[in-house]
């Protein structure tokens, strides 16, 4: 899935289409909202998300948060640019269990020419259960 710009405006509908057959799509990550100021996504925790101890795997937390932040990054790119995650930090405050509905909200802290920094808060109902910070490296268009 390329996130390069020069395509139709990034919308929830476009994201739903692009997620089909991808890692985040196979995890069941669903887009709820995307704008320059915020992206939101949803994950319903089920058996495929668990480690052998029965709780949500750390890699799923990271994939969920990284995916939602990527939608906001994509929406903020200049024409022809692409991006990749270069740094991430995750804190989980409560275990994810089957049946949990998790909502991730990503908001930018820095939108620069070469980097974007996003903070993602993940909630289960009213309770914050995780916090994720990541830096995206913006890849400038190339003359090909």
C-alpha atoms as a PDB file:
ATOM      1  CA  UNK A   1       0.000   0.000   0.000  1.00  0.00           C
ATOM      2  CA  UNK A   2       1.632   3.229  -1.102  1.00  0.00           C
ATOM      3  CA  UNK A   3       0.821   6.333   0.875  1.00  0.00           C
ATOM      4  CA  UNK A   4       2.256   8.681  -1.743  1.00  0.00           C
ATOM      5  CA  UNK A   5       0.254  11.790  -2.433  1.00  0.00           C
ATOM      6  CA  UNK A   6      -0.985  12.853  -5.829  1.00  0.00           C
ATOM      7  CA  UNK A   7      -3.946  10.534  -5.277  1.00  0.00           C
ATOM      8  CA  UNK A   8      -7.504  11.416  -4.249  1.00  0.00           C
ATOM      9  CA  UNK A   9      -7.855  13.141  -0.882  1.00  0.00           C
ATOM     10  CA  UNK A  10      -7.259  10.756   2.009  1.00  0.00           C
ATOM     11  CA  UNK A  11     -10.682   9.819   3.374  1.00  0.00           C
ATOM     12  CA  UNK A  12     -12.072   7.099   5.621  1.00  0.00           C
ATOM     13  CA  UNK A  13     -13.557   5.435   2.534  1.00  0.00           C
ATOM     14  CA  UNK A  14     -10.189   5.430   0.722  1.00  0.00           C
ATOM     15  CA  UNK A  15      -8.477   4.002   3.810  1.00  0.00           C
ATOM     16  CA  UNK A  16     -11.055   1.211   4.113  1.00  0.00           C
ATOM     17  CA  UNK A  17     -10.405   0.253   0.486  1.00  0.00           C
ATOM     18  CA  UNK A  18      -6.607   0.415   0.858  1.00  0.00           C
ATOM     19  CA  UNK A  19      -6.574  -1.697   4.041  1.00  0.00           C
ATOM     20  CA  UNK A  20      -7.975  -4.773   2.283  1.00  0.00           C
ATOM     21  CA  UNK A  21      -5.361  -7.528   2.115  1.00  0.00           C
ATOM     22  CA  UNK A  22      -2.739  -5.616   4.161  1.00  0.00           C
ATOM     23  CA  UNK A  23      -1.234  -6.324   7.598  1.00  0.00           C
ATOM     24  CA  UNK A  24      -3.327  -3.670   9.411  1.00  0.00           C
ATOM     25  CA  UNK A  25      -6.404  -4.720   7.450  1.00  0.00           C
ATOM     26  CA  UNK A  26      -5.868  -8.361   8.410  1.00  0.00           C
ATOM     27  CA  UNK A  27      -5.599  -7.260  12.063  1.00  0.00           C
ATOM     28  CA  UNK A  28      -9.050  -5.674  11.769  1.00  0.00           C
ATOM     29  CA  UNK A  29      -7.934  -2.061  12.248  1.00  0.00           C
ATOM     30  CA  UNK A  30     -10.786   0.187  11.098  1.00  0.00           C
ATOM     31  CA  UNK A  31     -10.583   3.886  10.183  1.00  0.00           C
ATOM     32  CA  UNK A  32     -13.111   6.170  11.869  1.00  0.00           C
ATOM     33  CA  UNK A  33     -11.829   9.659  11.047  1.00  0.00           C
ATOM     34  CA  UNK A  34      -8.944  11.331   9.209  1.00  0.00           C
ATOM     35  CA  UNK A  35      -8.003  14.991   8.855  1.00  0.00           C
ATOM     36  CA  UNK A  36      -4.854  17.109   9.040  1.00  0.00           C
ATOM     37  CA  UNK A  37      -5.463  17.592  12.783  1.00  0.00           C
ATOM     38  CA  UNK A  38      -6.481  14.106  13.865  1.00  0.00           C
ATOM     39  CA  UNK A  39      -6.909  10.473  12.874  1.00  0.00           C
ATOM     40  CA  UNK A  40      -9.016   7.926  14.742  1.00  0.00           C
ATOM     41  CA  UNK A  41      -9.262   4.158  14.399  1.00  0.00           C
ATOM     42  CA  UNK A  42     -10.916   1.208  16.063  1.00  0.00           C
ATOM     43  CA  UNK A  43      -9.810  -2.314  16.961  1.00  0.00           C
ATOM     44  CA  UNK A  44     -12.031  -5.040  18.395  1.00  0.00           C
ATOM     45  CA  UNK A  45      -9.706  -7.404  20.271  1.00  0.00           C
ATOM     46  CA  UNK A  46     -10.107 -11.074  19.392  1.00  0.00           C
ATOM     47  CA  UNK A  47      -8.069 -14.310  19.500  1.00  0.00           C
ATOM     48  CA  UNK A  48      -5.710 -13.314  16.651  1.00  0.00           C
ATOM     49  CA  UNK A  49      -4.437 -10.347  18.712  1.00  0.00           C
ATOM     50  CA  UNK A  50      -3.396 -12.337  21.808  1.00  0.00           C
ATOM     51  CA  UNK A  51      -0.092 -13.678  23.043  1.00  0.00           C
ATOM     52  CA  UNK A  52      -0.111 -17.193  24.598  1.00  0.00           C
ATOM     53  CA  UNK A  53      -0.926 -15.719  28.025  1.00  0.00           C
ATOM     54  CA  UNK A  54      -4.287 -14.495  26.730  1.00  0.00           C
ATOM     55  CA  UNK A  55      -3.670 -10.743  26.572  1.00  0.00           C
ATOM     56  CA  UNK A  56      -3.137  -8.447  23.576  1.00  0.00           C
ATOM     57  CA  UNK A  57       0.348  -8.802  22.104  1.00  0.00           C
ATOM     58  CA  UNK A  58       2.635  -5.746  22.288  1.00  0.00           C
ATOM     59  CA  UNK A  59       3.148  -5.870  18.549  1.00  0.00           C
ATOM     60  CA  UNK A  60      -0.588  -5.445  17.999  1.00  0.00           C
ATOM     61  CA  UNK A  61      -0.640  -2.353  20.245  1.00  0.00           C
ATOM     62  CA  UNK A  62       2.227  -0.895  18.210  1.00  0.00           C
ATOM     63  CA  UNK A  63       0.703  -1.831  14.840  1.00  0.00           C
ATOM     64  CA  UNK A  64      -2.641  -0.305  15.822  1.00  0.00           C
ATOM     65  CA  UNK A  65      -1.154   3.000  16.958  1.00  0.00           C
ATOM     66  CA  UNK A  66       1.357   3.203  14.094  1.00  0.00           C
ATOM     67  CA  UNK A  67      -1.384   2.584  11.534  1.00  0.00           C
ATOM     68  CA  UNK A  68      -3.679   5.305  12.864  1.00  0.00           C
ATOM     69  CA  UNK A  69      -0.809   7.825  13.004  1.00  0.00           C
ATOM     70  CA  UNK A  70       0.133   6.871   9.441  1.00  0.00           C
ATOM     71  CA  UNK A  71      -3.298   7.949   8.211  1.00  0.00           C
ATOM     72  CA  UNK A  72      -2.749  11.435   9.634  1.00  0.00           C
ATOM     73  CA  UNK A  73       0.773  11.575   8.234  1.00  0.00           C
ATOM     74  CA  UNK A  74      -0.468  10.587   4.786  1.00  0.00           C
ATOM     75  CA  UNK A  75      -3.079  13.351   4.949  1.00  0.00           C
ATOM     76  CA  UNK A  76      -0.338  15.912   5.732  1.00  0.00           C
ATOM     77  CA  UNK A  77       2.208  14.982   3.031  1.00  0.00           C
ATOM     78  CA  UNK A  78       3.158  17.307   0.200  1.00  0.00           C
ATOM     79  CA  UNK A  79       2.602  16.168  -3.381  1.00  0.00           C
ATOM     80  CA  UNK A  80       4.756  13.196  -4.396  1.00  0.00           C
ATOM     81  CA  UNK A  81       6.183  12.560  -0.917  1.00  0.00           C
ATOM     82  CA  UNK A  82       6.117   9.280   0.981  1.00  0.00           C
ATOM     83  CA  UNK A  83       7.119   8.380   4.561  1.00  0.00           C
ATOM     84  CA  UNK A  84       8.308   5.707   6.937  1.00  0.00           C
ATOM     85  CA  UNK A  85       8.292   5.322  10.715  1.00  0.00           C
ATOM     86  CA  UNK A  86      11.768   5.898  12.176  1.00  0.00           C
ATOM     87  CA  UNK A  87      11.109   5.929  15.919  1.00  0.00           C
ATOM     88  CA  UNK A  88       8.359   4.738  18.241  1.00  0.00           C
ATOM     89  CA  UNK A  89       7.660   4.554  21.971  1.00  0.00           C
ATOM     90  CA  UNK A  90       4.745   2.656  23.478  1.00  0.00           C
ATOM     91  CA  UNK A  91       3.400   2.612  27.038  1.00  0.00           C
ATOM     92  CA  UNK A  92       0.556   0.203  27.849  1.00  0.00           C
ATOM     93  CA  UNK A  93      -1.339   0.874  31.086  1.00  0.00           C
ATOM     94  CA  UNK A  94      -3.931  -1.933  30.990  1.00  0.00           C
ATOM     95  CA  UNK A  95      -4.141  -5.329  29.309  1.00  0.00           C
ATOM     96  CA  UNK A  96      -6.184  -5.794  26.159  1.00  0.00           C
ATOM     97  CA  UNK A  97      -8.586  -8.744  26.326  1.00  0.00           C
ATOM     98  CA  UNK A  98     -10.906 -10.458  23.859  1.00  0.00           C
ATOM     99  CA  UNK A  99     -14.040  -8.382  23.347  1.00  0.00           C
ATOM    100  CA  UNK A 100     -12.383  -5.052  24.170  1.00  0.00           C
ATOM    101  CA  UNK A 101     -13.170  -2.178  21.825  1.00  0.00           C
ATOM    102  CA  UNK A 102     -10.117   0.056  21.558  1.00  0.00           C
ATOM    103  CA  UNK A 103     -10.163   3.537  20.027  1.00  0.00           C
ATOM    104  CA  UNK A 104      -6.893   5.174  18.979  1.00  0.00           C
ATOM    105  CA  UNK A 105      -6.701   8.931  18.466  1.00  0.00           C
ATOM    106  CA  UNK A 106      -3.587  10.324  16.772  1.00  0.00           C
ATOM    107  CA  UNK A 107      -2.717  14.021  16.872  1.00  0.00           C
ATOM    108  CA  UNK A 108       0.353  15.704  15.403  1.00  0.00           C
ATOM    109  CA  UNK A 109       2.891  17.401  17.652  1.00  0.00           C
ATOM    110  CA  UNK A 110       5.175  18.451  14.780  1.00  0.00           C
ATOM    111  CA  UNK A 111       4.549  18.590  11.020  1.00  0.00           C
ATOM    112  CA  UNK A 112       7.837  19.507   9.374  1.00  0.00           C
ATOM    113  CA  UNK A 113       9.376  19.178   5.928  1.00  0.00           C
ATOM    114  CA  UNK A 114      11.448  16.118   6.931  1.00  0.00           C
ATOM    115  CA  UNK A 115       9.733  14.714  10.007  1.00  0.00           C
ATOM    116  CA  UNK A 116       6.295  14.411  11.573  1.00  0.00           C
ATOM    117  CA  UNK A 117       5.797  13.543  15.248  1.00  0.00           C
ATOM    118  CA  UNK A 118       2.487  12.053  16.399  1.00  0.00           C
ATOM    119  CA  UNK A 119       1.024  11.232  19.804  1.00  0.00           C
ATOM    120  CA  UNK A 120      -1.547   8.420  19.874  1.00  0.00           C
ATOM    121  CA  UNK A 121      -3.813   7.843  22.873  1.00  0.00           C
ATOM    122  CA  UNK A 122      -5.661   4.530  23.008  1.00  0.00           C
ATOM    123  CA  UNK A 123      -8.836   4.258  25.078  1.00  0.00           C
ATOM    124  CA  UNK A 124     -11.160   1.471  26.167  1.00  0.00           C
ATOM    125  CA  UNK A 125     -14.336   3.360  26.971  1.00  0.00           C
ATOM    126  CA  UNK A 126     -13.401   6.333  29.167  1.00  0.00           C
ATOM    127  CA  UNK A 127     -10.114   4.782  30.326  1.00  0.00           C
ATOM    128  CA  UNK A 128      -6.810   5.514  28.618  1.00  0.00           C
ATOM    129  CA  UNK A 129      -5.062   2.150  28.233  1.00  0.00           C
ATOM    130  CA  UNK A 130      -2.002   3.067  26.152  1.00  0.00           C
ATOM    131  CA  UNK A 131       0.043   5.964  24.821  1.00  0.00           C
ATOM    132  CA  UNK A 132       2.248   5.842  21.733  1.00  0.00           C
ATOM    133  CA  UNK A 133       4.640   8.419  20.291  1.00  0.00           C
ATOM    134  CA  UNK A 134       6.223   8.081  16.882  1.00  0.00           C
ATOM    135  CA  UNK A 135       8.328   9.985  14.400  1.00  0.00           C
ATOM    136  CA  UNK A 136       7.788   9.663  10.680  1.00  0.00           C
ATOM    137  CA  UNK A 137      10.554  10.456   8.197  1.00  0.00           C
ATOM    138  CA  UNK A 138       9.211  12.237   5.118  1.00  0.00           C
ATOM    139  CA  UNK A 139      10.705  10.921   1.887  1.00  0.00           C
ATOM    140  CA  UNK A 140      10.941  13.688  -0.702  1.00  0.00           C
ATOM    141  CA  UNK A 141       9.755  13.079  -4.252  1.00  0.00           C
ATOM    142  CA  UNK A 142      12.404  11.716  -6.619  1.00  0.00           C
ATOM    143  CA  UNK A 143      12.918  12.482 -10.276  1.00  0.00           C
ATOM    144  CA  UNK A 144      12.336   9.109 -11.903  1.00  0.00           C
END
